[in-house]
Amino acid sequence: MLHINSSYFSRLFKRETGYNFIQYVTNAKMERAKELLARSNISVEEVAARLGYENKSYFAKLFKKHIGGTPGEYRGD
């Protein structure tokens, strides 16, 4: 759609944001996860699914790495 090479896009993106594209998307998803966990009572599995993670365990691992605690701990379960 942009008609640019993916490597070139990655370099431009990192130069402009300071993050590689995957880091940026993951950070955005983790921020959205925090919102969903804080403002709703949907299950962690549903939060993971809404953010595109098929594996709840993988989502929980990423969440803990980025936020410092499990989704349940963040919510106060």
C-alpha atoms as a PDB file:
ATOM      1  CA  MET A   1       0.000   0.000   0.000  1.00  0.00           C
ATOM      2  CA  LEU A   2       2.828   2.425   0.808  1.00  0.00           C
ATOM      3  CA  HIS A   3       5.017   1.027  -1.962  1.00  0.00           C
ATOM      4  CA  ILE A   4       8.124   0.898   0.234  1.00  0.00           C
ATOM      5  CA  ASN A   5      10.358  -1.958   1.247  1.00  0.00           C
ATOM      6  CA  SER A   6       9.588  -3.430   4.694  1.00  0.00           C
ATOM      7  CA  SER A   7      13.208  -2.990   5.818  1.00  0.00           C
ATOM      8  CA  TYR A   8      13.114   0.655   4.822  1.00  0.00           C
ATOM      9  CA  PHE A   9       9.817   1.107   6.653  1.00  0.00           C
ATOM     10  CA  SER A  10      11.316  -0.486   9.779  1.00  0.00           C
ATOM     11  CA  ARG A  11      14.307   1.856   9.715  1.00  0.00           C
ATOM     12  CA  LEU A  12      12.106   4.922   9.201  1.00  0.00           C
ATOM     13  CA  PHE A  13       9.730   3.842  11.933  1.00  0.00           C
ATOM     14  CA  LYS A  14      12.536   3.300  14.454  1.00  0.00           C
ATOM     15  CA  ARG A  15      14.158   6.602  13.555  1.00  0.00           C
ATOM     16  CA  GLU A  16      10.895   8.493  14.093  1.00  0.00           C
ATOM     17  CA  THR A  17       9.556   6.673  17.174  1.00  0.00           C
ATOM     18  CA  GLY A  18      12.599   5.149  18.865  1.00  0.00           C
ATOM     19  CA  TYR A  19      10.902   1.739  18.778  1.00  0.00           C
ATOM     20  CA  ASN A  20      10.892  -1.027  16.240  1.00  0.00           C
ATOM     21  CA  PHE A  21       7.437  -1.698  14.802  1.00  0.00           C
ATOM     22  CA  ILE A  22       6.795  -4.880  16.815  1.00  0.00           C
ATOM     23  CA  GLN A  23       7.774  -3.149  20.079  1.00  0.00           C
ATOM     24  CA  TYR A  24       5.446  -0.282  19.270  1.00  0.00           C
ATOM     25  CA  VAL A  25       2.487  -2.552  18.514  1.00  0.00           C
ATOM     26  CA  THR A  26       3.129  -4.679  21.611  1.00  0.00           C
ATOM     27  CA  ASN A  27       3.337  -1.593  23.828  1.00  0.00           C
ATOM     28  CA  ALA A  28       0.071  -0.291  22.376  1.00  0.00           C
ATOM     29  CA  LYS A  29      -1.605  -3.653  22.992  1.00  0.00           C
ATOM     30  CA  MET A  30      -0.372  -3.766  26.590  1.00  0.00           C
ATOM     31  CA  GLU A  31      -1.740  -0.271  27.234  1.00  0.00           C
ATOM     32  CA  ARG A  32      -5.094  -1.358  25.806  1.00  0.00           C
ATOM     33  CA  ALA A  33      -4.973  -4.488  27.973  1.00  0.00           C
ATOM     34  CA  LYS A  34      -4.496  -2.302  31.050  1.00  0.00           C
ATOM     35  CA  GLU A  35      -7.568  -0.281  30.086  1.00  0.00           C
ATOM     36  CA  LEU A  36      -9.692  -3.372  29.513  1.00  0.00           C
ATOM     37  CA  LEU A  37      -8.581  -4.962  32.776  1.00  0.00           C
ATOM     38  CA  ALA A  38      -9.207  -1.793  34.773  1.00  0.00           C
ATOM     39  CA  ARG A  39     -12.539  -0.796  33.235  1.00  0.00           C
ATOM     40  CA  SER A  40     -14.304  -4.110  32.696  1.00  0.00           C
ATOM     41  CA  ASN A  41     -14.722  -7.476  34.261  1.00  0.00           C
ATOM     42  CA  ILE A  42     -14.153  -9.524  31.123  1.00  0.00           C
ATOM     43  CA  SER A  43     -11.856 -12.504  31.542  1.00  0.00           C
ATOM     44  CA  VAL A  44      -8.127 -12.356  30.908  1.00  0.00           C
ATOM     45  CA  GLU A  45      -8.707 -14.877  28.138  1.00  0.00           C
ATOM     46  CA  GLU A  46     -11.192 -12.505  26.494  1.00  0.00           C
ATOM     47  CA  VAL A  47      -8.799  -9.551  26.848  1.00  0.00           C
ATOM     48  CA  ALA A  48      -6.088 -11.635  25.163  1.00  0.00           C
ATOM     49  CA  ALA A  49      -8.458 -12.611  22.354  1.00  0.00           C
ATOM     50  CA  ARG A  50      -9.598  -9.021  21.779  1.00  0.00           C
ATOM     51  CA  LEU A  51      -5.972  -7.992  21.370  1.00  0.00           C
ATOM     52  CA  GLY A  52      -5.241 -10.770  18.890  1.00  0.00           C
ATOM     53  CA  TYR A  53      -3.496 -13.273  21.169  1.00  0.00           C
ATOM     54  CA  GLU A  54      -4.776 -16.815  20.727  1.00  0.00           C
ATOM     55  CA  ASN A  55      -2.709 -18.116  23.629  1.00  0.00           C
ATOM     56  CA  LYS A  56      -3.689 -16.730  27.049  1.00  0.00           C
ATOM     57  CA  SER A  57      -0.416 -17.892  28.600  1.00  0.00           C
ATOM     58  CA  TYR A  58       1.662 -16.059  26.010  1.00  0.00           C
ATOM     59  CA  PHE A  59      -0.394 -12.911  26.563  1.00  0.00           C
ATOM     60  CA  ALA A  60       0.083 -13.178  30.340  1.00  0.00           C
ATOM     61  CA  LYS A  61       3.845 -13.640  29.866  1.00  0.00           C
ATOM     62  CA  LEU A  62       4.066 -10.534  27.644  1.00  0.00           C
ATOM     63  CA  PHE A  63       1.882  -8.550  30.023  1.00  0.00           C
ATOM     64  CA  LYS A  64       4.082  -9.442  32.987  1.00  0.00           C
ATOM     65  CA  LYS A  65       7.227  -8.539  31.052  1.00  0.00           C
ATOM     66  CA  HIS A  66       5.862  -5.122  30.029  1.00  0.00           C
ATOM     67  CA  ILE A  67       3.800  -4.162  33.070  1.00  0.00           C
ATOM     68  CA  GLY A  68       5.621  -5.968  35.875  1.00  0.00           C
ATOM     69  CA  GLY A  69       2.811  -8.192  37.084  1.00  0.00           C
ATOM     70  CA  THR A  70       0.271 -10.653  35.796  1.00  0.00           C
ATOM     71  CA  PRO A  71      -3.057  -9.482  34.387  1.00  0.00           C
ATOM     72  CA  GLY A  72      -4.797 -10.831  37.491  1.00  0.00           C
ATOM     73  CA  GLU A  73      -2.425  -8.966  39.790  1.00  0.00           C
ATOM     74  CA  TYR A  74      -2.937  -5.779  37.796  1.00  0.00           C
ATOM     75  CA  ARG A  75      -6.689  -6.121  38.119  1.00  0.00           C
ATOM     76  CA  GLY A  76      -6.457  -7.016  41.802  1.00  0.00           C
ATOM     77  CA  ASP A  77      -7.926 -10.517  41.475  1.00  0.00           C
END
